[in-house]
Amino acid sequence: SCRHLFTMAICIVMVSSLYADYGICRWISRFLSSSFLYPIAQLAYSTYLFHPFVIAGIYTAIFQFAPELPVLQKIAITTVGGISISLLVALVVFLFLERPFMNMRSSHSERAKAPVLVES
C-alpha cells in the first residue's frame, strides 16, 4: 500500500543521511543532529511510553463531554492536547525519574573509577 511505500522512502532517506554527505541527505543529517533537538530527544522515550494513554484519555473525554463537536475538531483537539500533555508528562517523568537514575549511574561509575586508598 501507499503507507508502506512512504515508510520505506522515509527509511531510505534517513539511513542514507547517516552515510551520504551530499544533497538532501547532508541537510537532513545536519538538521537531525542539531543541538536544538536535544531536549526533545531526551523526552522522546517517555513521550513514546505515555502518549497512547494520554490520547485515549483525551479522546474518551471529548466524546463524553462534547459529543456535538464535529469529528475533525475532536481529532484536532486530541492532537494538540495529546502532544502538549504527553510532552508535559514526559518532562515530569524525565525530571523526577530518569534524571535521578542517570545521576546515580554517573556517580556510581565515578566512584568505581576512583582509586581506593589502603592503609598499611
C-alpha atoms as a PDB file:
ATOM      1  CA  SER A   1       0.000   0.000   0.000  1.00  0.00           C
ATOM      2  CA  CYS A   2       0.998   3.673  -0.209  1.00  0.00           C
ATOM      3  CA  ARG A   3       1.640   3.853   3.503  1.00  0.00           C
ATOM      4  CA  HIS A   4       4.310   1.164   3.274  1.00  0.00           C
ATOM      5  CA  LEU A   5       5.948   2.859   0.286  1.00  0.00           C
ATOM      6  CA  PHE A   6       6.032   6.172   2.162  1.00  0.00           C
ATOM      7  CA  THR A   7       7.537   4.457   5.212  1.00  0.00           C
ATOM      8  CA  MET A   8      10.188   2.787   3.077  1.00  0.00           C
ATOM      9  CA  ALA A   9      11.028   6.099   1.372  1.00  0.00           C
ATOM     10  CA  ILE A  10      11.472   7.840   4.729  1.00  0.00           C
ATOM     11  CA  CYS A  11      13.613   4.929   5.925  1.00  0.00           C
ATOM     12  CA  ILE A  12      15.855   5.130   2.843  1.00  0.00           C
ATOM     13  CA  VAL A  13      16.289   8.894   3.200  1.00  0.00           C
ATOM     14  CA  MET A  14      17.099   8.639   6.920  1.00  0.00           C
ATOM     15  CA  VAL A  15      19.567   5.774   6.530  1.00  0.00           C
ATOM     16  CA  SER A  16      21.249   7.479   3.590  1.00  0.00           C
ATOM     17  CA  SER A  17      21.542  10.663   5.660  1.00  0.00           C
ATOM     18  CA  LEU A  18      23.698   8.673   8.068  1.00  0.00           C
ATOM     19  CA  TYR A  19      26.202   7.674   5.393  1.00  0.00           C
ATOM     20  CA  ALA A  20      25.923  10.140   2.488  1.00  0.00           C
ATOM     21  CA  ASP A  21      27.380  13.635   2.737  1.00  0.00           C
ATOM     22  CA  TYR A  22      25.738  15.358  -0.239  1.00  0.00           C
ATOM     23  CA  GLY A  23      22.406  16.770  -1.374  1.00  0.00           C
ATOM     24  CA  ILE A  24      19.318  16.468   0.754  1.00  0.00           C
ATOM     25  CA  CYS A  25      20.958  13.765   2.880  1.00  0.00           C
ATOM     26  CA  ARG A  26      23.517  16.276   4.132  1.00  0.00           C
ATOM     27  CA  TRP A  27      20.730  18.720   5.042  1.00  0.00           C
ATOM     28  CA  ILE A  28      18.704  16.031   6.836  1.00  0.00           C
ATOM     29  CA  SER A  29      21.786  14.826   8.708  1.00  0.00           C
ATOM     30  CA  ARG A  30      22.625  18.343   9.884  1.00  0.00           C
ATOM     31  CA  PHE A  31      19.026  19.025  10.893  1.00  0.00           C
ATOM     32  CA  LEU A  32      18.649  15.779  12.861  1.00  0.00           C
ATOM     33  CA  SER A  33      21.969  16.300  14.658  1.00  0.00           C
ATOM     34  CA  SER A  34      21.315  19.944  15.547  1.00  0.00           C
ATOM     35  CA  SER A  35      21.530  20.903  19.195  1.00  0.00           C
ATOM     36  CA  PHE A  36      18.046  22.402  19.471  1.00  0.00           C
ATOM     37  CA  LEU A  37      16.521  18.921  19.053  1.00  0.00           C
ATOM     38  CA  TYR A  38      18.444  17.532  22.049  1.00  0.00           C
ATOM     39  CA  PRO A  39      15.826  18.435  24.724  1.00  0.00           C
ATOM     40  CA  ILE A  40      13.079  16.858  22.620  1.00  0.00           C
ATOM     41  CA  ALA A  41      15.235  13.768  22.123  1.00  0.00           C
ATOM     42  CA  GLN A  42      15.635  13.412  25.889  1.00  0.00           C
ATOM     43  CA  LEU A  43      11.850  13.348  26.267  1.00  0.00           C
ATOM     44  CA  ALA A  44      11.230  11.045  23.299  1.00  0.00           C
ATOM     45  CA  TYR A  45      11.159   7.712  25.127  1.00  0.00           C
ATOM     46  CA  SER A  46       8.895   8.896  27.946  1.00  0.00           C
ATOM     47  CA  THR A  47       6.607  10.538  25.419  1.00  0.00           C
ATOM     48  CA  TYR A  48       6.517   7.297  23.447  1.00  0.00           C
ATOM     49  CA  LEU A  49       5.545   5.366  26.587  1.00  0.00           C
ATOM     50  CA  PHE A  50       2.774   7.673  27.775  1.00  0.00           C
ATOM     51  CA  HIS A  51       1.233   9.138  24.623  1.00  0.00           C
ATOM     52  CA  PRO A  52      -1.246   6.277  23.959  1.00  0.00           C
ATOM     53  CA  PHE A  53      -2.763   6.686  27.418  1.00  0.00           C
ATOM     54  CA  VAL A  54      -2.933  10.473  27.134  1.00  0.00           C
ATOM     55  CA  ILE A  55      -4.517  10.387  23.677  1.00  0.00           C
ATOM     56  CA  ALA A  56      -7.015   7.696  24.687  1.00  0.00           C
ATOM     57  CA  GLY A  57      -7.985   9.700  27.775  1.00  0.00           C
ATOM     58  CA  ILE A  58      -8.451  12.937  25.851  1.00  0.00           C
ATOM     59  CA  TYR A  59     -10.398  11.268  23.045  1.00  0.00           C
ATOM     60  CA  THR A  60     -12.674   9.498  25.528  1.00  0.00           C
ATOM     61  CA  ALA A  61     -13.265  12.715  27.474  1.00  0.00           C
ATOM     62  CA  ILE A  62     -14.103  14.650  24.310  1.00  0.00           C
ATOM     63  CA  PHE A  63     -16.632  12.049  23.182  1.00  0.00           C
ATOM     64  CA  GLN A  64     -18.212  12.031  26.646  1.00  0.00           C
ATOM     65  CA  PHE A  65     -18.351  15.762  27.347  1.00  0.00           C
ATOM     66  CA  ALA A  66     -18.638  17.246  23.836  1.00  0.00           C
ATOM     67  CA  PRO A  67     -20.343  14.725  21.563  1.00  0.00           C
ATOM     68  CA  GLU A  68     -21.794  17.531  19.409  1.00  0.00           C
ATOM     69  CA  LEU A  69     -18.384  18.612  18.068  1.00  0.00           C
ATOM     70  CA  PRO A  70     -17.509  17.571  14.515  1.00  0.00           C
ATOM     71  CA  VAL A  71     -15.140  14.611  14.240  1.00  0.00           C
ATOM     72  CA  LEU A  72     -12.331  16.656  12.661  1.00  0.00           C
ATOM     73  CA  GLN A  73     -12.493  19.146  15.510  1.00  0.00           C
ATOM     74  CA  LYS A  74     -12.312  16.292  18.031  1.00  0.00           C
ATOM     75  CA  ILE A  75      -9.258  14.922  16.229  1.00  0.00           C
ATOM     76  CA  ALA A  76      -7.615  18.371  16.157  1.00  0.00           C
ATOM     77  CA  ILE A  77      -8.246  18.908  19.878  1.00  0.00           C
ATOM     78  CA  THR A  78      -6.957  15.419  20.656  1.00  0.00           C
ATOM     79  CA  THR A  79      -3.820  16.002  18.566  1.00  0.00           C
ATOM     80  CA  VAL A  80      -2.899  19.384  20.018  1.00  0.00           C
ATOM     81  CA  GLY A  81      -3.865  18.426  23.565  1.00  0.00           C
ATOM     82  CA  GLY A  82      -2.275  14.986  23.265  1.00  0.00           C
ATOM     83  CA  ILE A  83       1.066  16.335  22.117  1.00  0.00           C
ATOM     84  CA  SER A  84       1.091  19.023  24.791  1.00  0.00           C
ATOM     85  CA  ILE A  85       0.044  16.792  27.672  1.00  0.00           C
ATOM     86  CA  SER A  86       2.285  13.914  26.530  1.00  0.00           C
ATOM     87  CA  LEU A  87       5.317  16.217  26.474  1.00  0.00           C
ATOM     88  CA  LEU A  88       4.371  17.597  29.890  1.00  0.00           C
ATOM     89  CA  VAL A  89       4.021  14.098  31.366  1.00  0.00           C
ATOM     90  CA  ALA A  90       7.310  13.098  29.720  1.00  0.00           C
ATOM     91  CA  LEU A  91       9.019  16.154  31.222  1.00  0.00           C
ATOM     92  CA  VAL A  92       7.783  15.263  34.721  1.00  0.00           C
ATOM     93  CA  VAL A  93       8.897  11.636  34.305  1.00  0.00           C
ATOM     94  CA  PHE A  94      12.270  12.747  32.965  1.00  0.00           C
ATOM     95  CA  LEU A  95      12.910  15.225  35.779  1.00  0.00           C
ATOM     96  CA  PHE A  96      11.746  13.041  38.659  1.00  0.00           C
ATOM     97  CA  LEU A  97      12.586   9.501  37.476  1.00  0.00           C
ATOM     98  CA  GLU A  98      15.011   9.336  34.574  1.00  0.00           C
ATOM     99  CA  ARG A  99      17.432  12.105  35.564  1.00  0.00           C
ATOM    100  CA  PRO A 100      17.885  10.916  39.183  1.00  0.00           C
ATOM    101  CA  PHE A 101      18.667   7.408  37.917  1.00  0.00           C
ATOM    102  CA  MET A 102      21.082   8.757  35.316  1.00  0.00           C
ATOM    103  CA  ASN A 103      22.768  10.821  38.034  1.00  0.00           C
ATOM    104  CA  MET A 104      23.050   7.736  40.260  1.00  0.00           C
ATOM    105  CA  ARG A 105      24.614   5.817  37.390  1.00  0.00           C
ATOM    106  CA  SER A 106      27.164   8.537  36.677  1.00  0.00           C
ATOM    107  CA  SER A 107      28.059   8.993  40.358  1.00  0.00           C
ATOM    108  CA  HIS A 108      28.394   5.219  40.763  1.00  0.00           C
ATOM    109  CA  SER A 109      30.705   4.956  37.757  1.00  0.00           C
ATOM    110  CA  GLU A 110      32.842   7.832  39.118  1.00  0.00           C
ATOM    111  CA  ARG A 111      33.174   6.059  42.467  1.00  0.00           C
ATOM    112  CA  ALA A 112      34.142   2.848  40.716  1.00  0.00           C
ATOM    113  CA  LYS A 113      36.934   4.650  38.869  1.00  0.00           C
ATOM    114  CA  ALA A 114      38.256   6.415  41.960  1.00  0.00           C
ATOM    115  CA  PRO A 115      41.413   4.924  43.442  1.00  0.00           C
ATOM    116  CA  VAL A 116      40.971   3.010  46.663  1.00  0.00           C
ATOM    117  CA  LEU A 117      43.230   4.134  49.481  1.00  0.00           C
ATOM    118  CA  VAL A 118      44.555   1.247  51.511  1.00  0.00           C
ATOM    119  CA  GLU A 119      46.273   1.908  54.791  1.00  0.00           C
ATOM    120  CA  SER A 120      49.087  -0.419  55.760  1.00  0.00           C
END
